[in-house]
Amino acid sequence: MIEKTEEMNALLDAYEMLLTDKQREIMSLYYKEDFSLSEIAEELSVSRAAVNDHIKRSTHVLQDYEKKLHLVKNYETRMEIYDKIKKVSNEEILLLIEQLESLEN
């Protein structure tokens, strides 16, 4: 379950602004704030089933964006490459990597 939560949080970080306000709110409460379906339903005055449907649809939408755009995969690949380059230990290279990493955040 932790892997799923981490995956969804990464997808939300990359694509949440492409979701509707309602989708964004529900997904944030569920994955970032760790609310249960019942807690979200109560907070938003909707049924638990409606919350579950929103989560399923939003998850599909986020995964579809990642299949098409690869933002999360590319970010993770860049981080791995940065780590490998850091092992070379050239001061000039390390400074350039720090500059690139600052753009990532």
C-alpha atoms as a PDB file:
ATOM      1  CA  MET A   1       0.000   0.000   0.000  1.00  0.00           C
ATOM      2  CA  ILE A   2       2.897   2.361   0.710  1.00  0.00           C
ATOM      3  CA  GLU A   3       4.194   1.949  -2.846  1.00  0.00           C
ATOM      4  CA  LYS A   4       0.749   2.768  -4.241  1.00  0.00           C
ATOM      5  CA  THR A   5       0.531   5.865  -2.018  1.00  0.00           C
ATOM      6  CA  GLU A   6       4.019   6.990  -3.048  1.00  0.00           C
ATOM      7  CA  GLU A   7       3.170   6.446  -6.719  1.00  0.00           C
ATOM      8  CA  MET A   8      -0.064   8.409  -6.426  1.00  0.00           C
ATOM      9  CA  ASN A   9       1.618  11.244  -4.531  1.00  0.00           C
ATOM     10  CA  ALA A  10       4.256  11.483  -7.279  1.00  0.00           C
ATOM     11  CA  LEU A  11       1.517  11.555  -9.925  1.00  0.00           C
ATOM     12  CA  LEU A  12      -0.381  14.191  -7.949  1.00  0.00           C
ATOM     13  CA  ASP A  13       2.749  16.322  -7.647  1.00  0.00           C
ATOM     14  CA  ALA A  14       3.175  16.205 -11.413  1.00  0.00           C
ATOM     15  CA  TYR A  15      -0.398  16.407 -12.656  1.00  0.00           C
ATOM     16  CA  GLU A  16      -2.786  17.554  -9.916  1.00  0.00           C
ATOM     17  CA  MET A  17      -3.404  20.926 -11.562  1.00  0.00           C
ATOM     18  CA  LEU A  18      -4.884  19.039 -14.528  1.00  0.00           C
ATOM     19  CA  LEU A  19      -7.592  17.554 -12.302  1.00  0.00           C
ATOM     20  CA  THR A  20     -10.884  19.255 -11.533  1.00  0.00           C
ATOM     21  CA  ASP A  21     -11.156  21.083  -8.212  1.00  0.00           C
ATOM     22  CA  LYS A  22     -13.265  18.275  -6.751  1.00  0.00           C
ATOM     23  CA  GLN A  23     -10.889  15.547  -7.974  1.00  0.00           C
ATOM     24  CA  ARG A  24      -7.902  17.471  -6.642  1.00  0.00           C
ATOM     25  CA  GLU A  25      -9.540  17.974  -3.240  1.00  0.00           C
ATOM     26  CA  ILE A  26     -10.568  14.334  -2.846  1.00  0.00           C
ATOM     27  CA  MET A  27      -7.223  12.960  -4.022  1.00  0.00           C
ATOM     28  CA  SER A  28      -5.332  15.326  -1.746  1.00  0.00           C
ATOM     29  CA  LEU A  29      -7.414  14.354   1.273  1.00  0.00           C
ATOM     30  CA  TYR A  30      -7.062  10.659   0.503  1.00  0.00           C
ATOM     31  CA  TYR A  31      -3.387  10.411  -0.480  1.00  0.00           C
ATOM     32  CA  LYS A  32      -1.707  13.440   1.082  1.00  0.00           C
ATOM     33  CA  GLU A  33      -3.777  13.887   4.242  1.00  0.00           C
ATOM     34  CA  ASP A  34      -4.477  10.149   4.708  1.00  0.00           C
ATOM     35  CA  PHE A  35      -8.233  10.594   5.244  1.00  0.00           C
ATOM     36  CA  SER A  36     -10.421   7.513   5.000  1.00  0.00           C
ATOM     37  CA  LEU A  37     -13.243   7.303   2.463  1.00  0.00           C
ATOM     38  CA  SER A  38     -15.755   7.870   5.264  1.00  0.00           C
ATOM     39  CA  GLU A  39     -13.889  10.905   6.577  1.00  0.00           C
ATOM     40  CA  ILE A  40     -13.771  12.457   3.109  1.00  0.00           C
ATOM     41  CA  ALA A  41     -17.452  11.721   2.549  1.00  0.00           C
ATOM     42  CA  GLU A  42     -18.331  13.413   5.820  1.00  0.00           C
ATOM     43  CA  GLU A  43     -16.021  16.382   5.159  1.00  0.00           C
ATOM     44  CA  LEU A  44     -17.500  17.001   1.697  1.00  0.00           C
ATOM     45  CA  SER A  45     -21.086  15.943   2.474  1.00  0.00           C
ATOM     46  CA  VAL A  46     -21.161  13.277  -0.213  1.00  0.00           C
ATOM     47  CA  SER A  47     -21.583   9.517  -0.121  1.00  0.00           C
ATOM     48  CA  ARG A  48     -18.698   7.152   0.515  1.00  0.00           C
ATOM     49  CA  ALA A  49     -19.453   5.560  -2.870  1.00  0.00           C
ATOM     50  CA  ALA A  50     -19.094   8.941  -4.585  1.00  0.00           C
ATOM     51  CA  VAL A  51     -15.701   9.435  -2.952  1.00  0.00           C
ATOM     52  CA  ASN A  52     -14.616   5.964  -4.055  1.00  0.00           C
ATOM     53  CA  ASP A  53     -15.761   6.660  -7.633  1.00  0.00           C
ATOM     54  CA  HIS A  54     -13.861   9.975  -7.710  1.00  0.00           C
ATOM     55  CA  ILE A  55     -10.699   8.272  -6.481  1.00  0.00           C
ATOM     56  CA  LYS A  56     -10.951   5.490  -9.072  1.00  0.00           C
ATOM     57  CA  ARG A  57     -11.623   7.908 -11.949  1.00  0.00           C
ATOM     58  CA  SER A  58      -8.948  10.352 -10.828  1.00  0.00           C
ATOM     59  CA  THR A  59      -6.411   7.556 -10.453  1.00  0.00           C
ATOM     60  CA  HIS A  60      -7.142   6.439 -14.001  1.00  0.00           C
ATOM     61  CA  VAL A  61      -6.798  10.017 -15.275  1.00  0.00           C
ATOM     62  CA  LEU A  62      -3.455  10.514 -13.508  1.00  0.00           C
ATOM     63  CA  GLN A  63      -2.091   7.205 -14.789  1.00  0.00           C
ATOM     64  CA  ASP A  64      -3.240   8.107 -18.297  1.00  0.00           C
ATOM     65  CA  TYR A  65      -1.397  11.450 -18.113  1.00  0.00           C
ATOM     66  CA  GLU A  66       1.764   9.637 -17.021  1.00  0.00           C
ATOM     67  CA  LYS A  67       1.469   7.109 -19.874  1.00  0.00           C
ATOM     68  CA  LYS A  68       1.319   9.985 -22.334  1.00  0.00           C
ATOM     69  CA  LEU A  69       3.685  12.544 -20.782  1.00  0.00           C
ATOM     70  CA  HIS A  70       6.151  10.490 -18.668  1.00  0.00           C
ATOM     71  CA  LEU A  71       6.893  13.397 -16.301  1.00  0.00           C
ATOM     72  CA  VAL A  72       7.339  11.227 -13.208  1.00  0.00           C
ATOM     73  CA  LYS A  73       9.361   8.549 -15.005  1.00  0.00           C
ATOM     74  CA  ASN A  74      11.626  11.163 -16.599  1.00  0.00           C
ATOM     75  CA  TYR A  75      12.107  12.942 -13.264  1.00  0.00           C
ATOM     76  CA  GLU A  76      13.104   9.690 -11.551  1.00  0.00           C
ATOM     77  CA  THR A  77      15.495   8.841 -14.397  1.00  0.00           C
ATOM     78  CA  ARG A  78      17.120  12.285 -14.184  1.00  0.00           C
ATOM     79  CA  MET A  79      17.620  11.863 -10.428  1.00  0.00           C
ATOM     80  CA  GLU A  80      19.313   8.496 -10.990  1.00  0.00           C
ATOM     81  CA  ILE A  81      21.611  10.017 -13.618  1.00  0.00           C
ATOM     82  CA  TYR A  82      22.495  12.903 -11.298  1.00  0.00           C
ATOM     83  CA  ASP A  83      23.414  10.415  -8.573  1.00  0.00           C
ATOM     84  CA  LYS A  84      25.671   8.485 -10.969  1.00  0.00           C
ATOM     85  CA  ILE A  85      27.384  11.655 -12.187  1.00  0.00           C
ATOM     86  CA  LYS A  86      27.998  12.787  -8.591  1.00  0.00           C
ATOM     87  CA  LYS A  87      30.128   9.702  -8.066  1.00  0.00           C
ATOM     88  CA  VAL A  88      32.588  11.041 -10.663  1.00  0.00           C
ATOM     89  CA  SER A  89      33.539  13.708  -8.083  1.00  0.00           C
ATOM     90  CA  ASN A  90      34.658  16.480 -10.390  1.00  0.00           C
ATOM     91  CA  GLU A  91      33.932  19.786  -8.607  1.00  0.00           C
ATOM     92  CA  GLU A  92      32.778  21.553 -11.770  1.00  0.00           C
ATOM     93  CA  ILE A  93      30.415  18.699 -12.614  1.00  0.00           C
ATOM     94  CA  LEU A  94      29.037  18.675  -9.070  1.00  0.00           C
ATOM     95  CA  LEU A  95      28.347  22.415  -9.268  1.00  0.00           C
ATOM     96  CA  LEU A  96      26.488  21.958 -12.552  1.00  0.00           C
ATOM     97  CA  ILE A  97      24.443  19.108 -11.071  1.00  0.00           C
ATOM     98  CA  GLU A  98      23.488  21.282  -8.099  1.00  0.00           C
ATOM     99  CA  GLN A  99      22.289  23.959 -10.518  1.00  0.00           C
ATOM    100  CA  LEU A 100      20.203  21.408 -12.437  1.00  0.00           C
ATOM    101  CA  GLU A 101      18.762  19.947  -9.248  1.00  0.00           C
ATOM    102  CA  SER A 102      17.711  23.382  -8.061  1.00  0.00           C
ATOM    103  CA  LEU A 103      15.633  23.683 -11.236  1.00  0.00           C
ATOM    104  CA  GLU A 104      13.897  20.393 -10.416  1.00  0.00           C
ATOM    105  CA  ASN A 105      12.592  21.671  -7.094  1.00  0.00           C
END
